Amino acid sequence: MRKQILVADDSRSIRHMLKKKLTEWGYEVIEAASGEAAWALYENNEFPPLAIIDWMMPGMEGIEICRNIAQASSRNIPYRILVTSRDNKADIVHGLQAGAHDYITKPFDIQELLSRIQVGEQVVALEMALEERIQELEEAMEHIKTLQGLLPICMHCHKIRNDHECWERLEDYLSKNLDVMLSHSLCPECAEKHYSHLLNPNRKYQQAMKE
């Protein structure tokens, strides 16, 4: 599956140049010719995990897009590289404080941009791994909460009623909710009660002799 990246720039020539290079590097490029178009992608959950966003665009500027995304409550926050001709330190600080992850000035070196994109990929990969871990922990907590509650169990067959109101074997339920495998064995009391004739075949003879 090809990696997706957004190029948001009102300059058609810059979009064309970046798309050509990024495609050569193995990216699937999504274009946005305005800030509104880029923001619409985010609102429609079509925003890719990486984005190159021009600062100066008509309507909604790139810095506003970065700010809006940074303030969103969604966990899936794309990595944003802000592109602009502004090169003084105050502008750089302003762009980063507004929500950009990185900043590159025009005219930029294409290899430098690639390096910055690769850094963004690493950050995105770490965030995705963290998100998966968080989901696993949340699911584990839900299982723990389930086990801490009252579990309806049949007094005869010992089946358990699960969250879906279905009855299942105790060992199946525990295996799914505790991530363990159960093996069948015999406690000493049950072994003595049900299999004493196999474990001690001379016992009946000894009892008969006593009688």
Protein backbone atom coordinates (compact mmCIF):
# COMPACT_ATOMS: atom_id res chain seq x y z
CA MET A 1 0.00 0.00 0.00
CA ARG A 2 1.42 3.40 -1.00
CA LYS A 3 1.95 6.08 1.63
CA GLN A 4 -0.41 9.03 1.37
CA ILE A 5 0.58 12.68 1.72
CA LEU A 6 -1.33 15.93 1.25
CA VAL A 7 0.02 18.87 -0.74
CA ALA A 8 -2.04 21.98 0.08
CA ASP A 9 -0.90 24.96 -2.01
CA ASP A 10 -2.74 27.49 -4.15
CA SER A 11 0.14 27.46 -6.66
CA ARG A 12 -0.57 24.93 -9.39
CA SER A 13 3.09 24.81 -10.45
CA ILE A 14 4.29 23.98 -6.91
CA ARG A 15 1.62 21.29 -6.52
CA HIS A 16 2.66 19.79 -9.86
CA MET A 17 6.37 19.81 -8.94
CA LEU A 18 5.80 18.29 -5.51
CA LYS A 19 3.42 15.68 -6.84
CA LYS A 20 5.97 14.59 -9.43
CA LYS A 21 8.76 14.24 -6.88
CA LEU A 22 6.64 12.66 -4.17
CA THR A 23 5.22 10.13 -6.62
CA GLU A 24 8.77 9.17 -7.57
CA TRP A 25 9.49 8.62 -3.88
CA GLY A 26 6.56 6.23 -3.58
CA TYR A 27 3.84 8.50 -2.20
CA GLU A 28 0.23 8.78 -3.21
CA VAL A 29 -0.36 12.53 -3.40
CA ILE A 30 -3.65 14.18 -2.48
CA GLU A 31 -3.90 17.77 -3.70
CA ALA A 32 -5.75 20.73 -2.23
CA ALA A 33 -5.73 24.06 -4.09
CA SER A 34 -6.99 26.08 -1.12
CA GLY A 35 -7.13 26.10 2.64
CA GLU A 36 -10.85 25.39 2.57
CA ALA A 37 -10.30 22.30 0.41
CA ALA A 38 -7.64 21.01 2.80
CA TRP A 39 -9.86 21.60 5.83
CA ALA A 40 -12.78 19.87 4.11
CA LEU A 41 -10.60 16.76 3.75
CA TYR A 42 -9.98 16.79 7.49
CA GLU A 43 -13.65 17.24 8.34
CA ASN A 44 -14.54 14.34 6.02
CA ASN A 45 -11.88 12.06 7.59
CA GLU A 46 -9.96 12.00 4.29
CA PHE A 47 -6.87 13.83 5.55
CA PRO A 48 -3.71 11.69 5.15
CA PRO A 49 -1.24 11.16 8.01
CA LEU A 50 1.34 13.51 6.41
CA ALA A 51 0.74 17.00 5.02
CA ILE A 52 2.74 19.76 3.32
CA ILE A 53 0.77 22.97 3.82
CA ASP A 54 1.50 26.39 2.36
CA TRP A 55 1.18 29.25 4.85
CA MET A 56 -0.27 31.86 2.48
CA MET A 57 -3.44 30.65 0.78
CA PRO A 58 -6.62 32.57 -0.05
CA GLY A 59 -9.55 32.08 2.30
CA MET A 60 -8.08 29.86 5.01
CA GLU A 61 -4.34 30.12 5.56
CA GLY A 62 -2.14 27.14 6.25
CA ILE A 63 -1.37 28.31 9.76
CA GLU A 64 -5.09 28.35 10.51
CA ILE A 65 -5.42 24.78 9.28
CA CYS A 66 -2.56 23.72 11.55
CA ARG A 67 -4.16 25.50 14.51
CA ASN A 68 -7.60 23.96 13.90
CA ILE A 69 -6.18 20.45 13.59
CA ALA A 70 -4.04 20.88 16.71
CA GLN A 71 -7.13 21.91 18.67
CA ALA A 72 -9.24 19.01 17.41
CA SER A 73 -10.13 16.29 19.90
CA SER A 74 -9.33 13.46 17.51
CA ARG A 75 -6.44 11.17 18.41
CA ASN A 76 -5.44 10.82 14.75
CA ILE A 77 -3.52 14.06 14.33
CA PRO A 78 -1.63 14.28 10.99
CA TYR A 79 1.98 15.43 10.84
CA ARG A 80 2.05 18.96 9.36
CA ILE A 81 4.96 20.62 7.56
CA LEU A 82 4.32 24.33 7.04
CA VAL A 83 5.84 25.88 3.90
CA THR A 84 6.36 29.63 3.49
CA SER A 85 8.67 32.33 2.20
CA ARG A 86 8.78 33.88 5.69
CA ASP A 87 12.15 33.12 7.19
CA ASN A 88 12.55 35.25 10.32
CA LYS A 89 12.64 33.55 13.71
CA ALA A 90 9.45 35.20 14.95
CA ASP A 91 7.47 33.71 12.05
CA ILE A 92 9.01 30.29 12.58
CA VAL A 93 8.12 30.35 16.26
CA HIS A 94 4.62 31.58 15.44
CA GLY A 95 4.08 28.77 12.94
CA LEU A 96 5.26 26.07 15.33
CA GLN A 97 3.22 27.45 18.23
CA ALA A 98 0.15 27.50 16.00
CA GLY A 99 0.35 23.75 15.53
CA ALA A 100 2.82 22.93 12.77
CA HIS A 101 5.19 20.06 13.51
CA ASP A 102 7.89 21.33 11.16
CA TYR A 103 8.69 24.37 9.07
CA ILE A 104 10.53 24.84 5.76
CA THR A 105 11.10 28.08 3.86
CA LYS A 106 10.86 28.78 0.15
CA PRO A 107 12.75 28.24 -2.02
CA PHE A 108 13.42 24.87 -0.39
CA ASP A 109 15.80 22.08 -1.28
CA ILE A 110 13.83 19.05 -2.39
CA GLN A 111 16.16 16.62 -0.61
CA GLU A 112 15.80 18.57 2.61
CA LEU A 113 12.03 18.36 2.26
CA LEU A 114 12.31 14.59 1.77
CA SER A 115 14.36 14.32 4.96
CA ARG A 116 11.74 16.26 6.88
CA ILE A 117 8.99 14.06 5.47
CA GLN A 118 10.88 10.94 6.57
CA VAL A 119 11.12 12.36 10.10
CA GLY A 120 7.37 12.90 9.95
CA GLU A 121 6.88 9.27 8.92
CA GLN A 122 8.79 8.10 11.98
CA VAL A 123 6.68 10.29 14.25
CA VAL A 124 3.46 9.02 12.66
CA ALA A 125 4.59 5.40 13.03
CA LEU A 126 5.33 5.93 16.73
CA GLU A 127 1.97 7.61 17.29
CA MET A 128 0.16 4.76 15.52
CA ALA A 129 1.98 2.19 17.64
CA LEU A 130 1.09 4.16 20.77
CA GLU A 131 -2.55 4.38 19.68
CA GLU A 132 -2.71 0.61 19.16
CA ARG A 133 -1.20 0.07 22.60
CA ILE A 134 -3.72 2.44 24.17
CA GLN A 135 -6.58 0.55 22.51
CA GLU A 136 -5.19 -2.76 23.79
CA LEU A 137 -4.99 -1.35 27.31
CA GLU A 138 -8.52 0.04 27.10
CA GLU A 139 -9.82 -3.35 25.96
CA ALA A 140 -7.92 -5.03 28.79
CA MET A 141 -9.47 -2.62 31.28
CA GLU A 142 -12.93 -3.42 29.95
CA HIS A 143 -12.25 -7.12 30.46
CA ILE A 144 -11.06 -6.45 34.00
CA LYS A 145 -14.19 -4.43 34.74
CA THR A 146 -16.29 -7.30 33.42
CA LEU A 147 -14.55 -9.81 35.62
CA GLN A 148 -14.82 -7.57 38.67
CA GLY A 149 -18.59 -7.38 38.30
CA LEU A 150 -21.23 -9.97 39.08
CA LEU A 151 -21.00 -12.98 36.75
CA PRO A 152 -24.18 -15.03 36.31
CA ILE A 153 -23.21 -18.72 36.42
CA CYS A 154 -25.49 -21.73 36.06
CA MET A 155 -25.66 -23.68 39.32
CA HIS A 156 -25.80 -27.02 37.46
CA CYS A 157 -23.62 -26.89 34.34
CA HIS A 158 -21.50 -23.92 35.48
CA LYS A 159 -21.86 -22.06 32.20
CA ILE A 160 -21.47 -18.25 32.32
CA ARG A 161 -23.78 -15.68 30.78
CA ASN A 162 -21.58 -13.27 28.80
CA ASP A 163 -22.10 -9.62 27.82
CA HIS A 164 -24.14 -10.70 24.78
CA GLU A 165 -26.64 -12.57 26.98
CA CYS A 166 -25.37 -15.92 25.68
CA TRP A 167 -24.32 -18.85 27.81
CA GLU A 168 -20.87 -20.30 27.26
CA ARG A 169 -18.57 -22.71 29.01
CA LEU A 170 -16.63 -21.35 31.94
CA GLU A 171 -13.26 -22.28 30.43
CA ASP A 172 -14.15 -20.59 27.12
CA TYR A 173 -15.17 -17.39 28.88
CA LEU A 174 -12.03 -17.24 31.01
CA SER A 175 -9.79 -17.99 28.04
CA LYS A 176 -11.21 -15.06 26.07
CA ASN A 177 -11.31 -12.55 28.90
CA LEU A 178 -8.09 -13.44 30.71
CA ASP A 179 -5.99 -14.43 27.70
CA VAL A 180 -5.10 -17.77 29.25
CA MET A 181 -5.40 -21.39 28.15
CA LEU A 182 -7.04 -23.85 30.53
CA SER A 183 -6.15 -27.52 30.82
CA HIS A 184 -8.30 -30.13 32.48
CA SER A 185 -6.98 -31.94 35.53
CA LEU A 186 -8.20 -33.61 38.71
CA CYS A 187 -8.03 -32.33 42.24
CA PRO A 188 -7.23 -35.00 44.90
CA GLU A 189 -10.80 -35.00 46.25
CA CYS A 190 -12.40 -35.66 42.85
CA ALA A 191 -9.77 -38.23 41.98
CA GLU A 192 -10.53 -40.07 45.19
CA LYS A 193 -14.30 -39.78 44.73
CA HIS A 194 -14.60 -40.79 41.08
CA TYR A 195 -11.48 -42.80 40.26
CA SER A 196 -10.46 -44.49 43.48
CA HIS A 197 -11.02 -47.93 41.92
CA LEU A 198 -8.42 -47.12 39.28
CA LEU A 199 -5.97 -45.38 41.53
CA ASN A 200 -6.11 -48.07 44.24
CA PRO A 201 -7.49 -51.31 42.76
CA ASN A 202 -6.75 -53.30 45.94
CA ARG A 203 -8.88 -51.09 48.16
CA LYS A 204 -12.14 -53.03 47.57
CA TYR A 205 -10.35 -56.27 48.34
CA GLN A 206 -8.89 -54.83 51.53
CA GLN A 207 -12.29 -53.54 52.63
CA ALA A 208 -13.88 -56.92 51.94
CA MET A 209 -11.25 -58.68 54.05
CA LYS A 210 -11.93 -56.30 56.95
CA GLU A 211 -15.63 -57.10 56.79
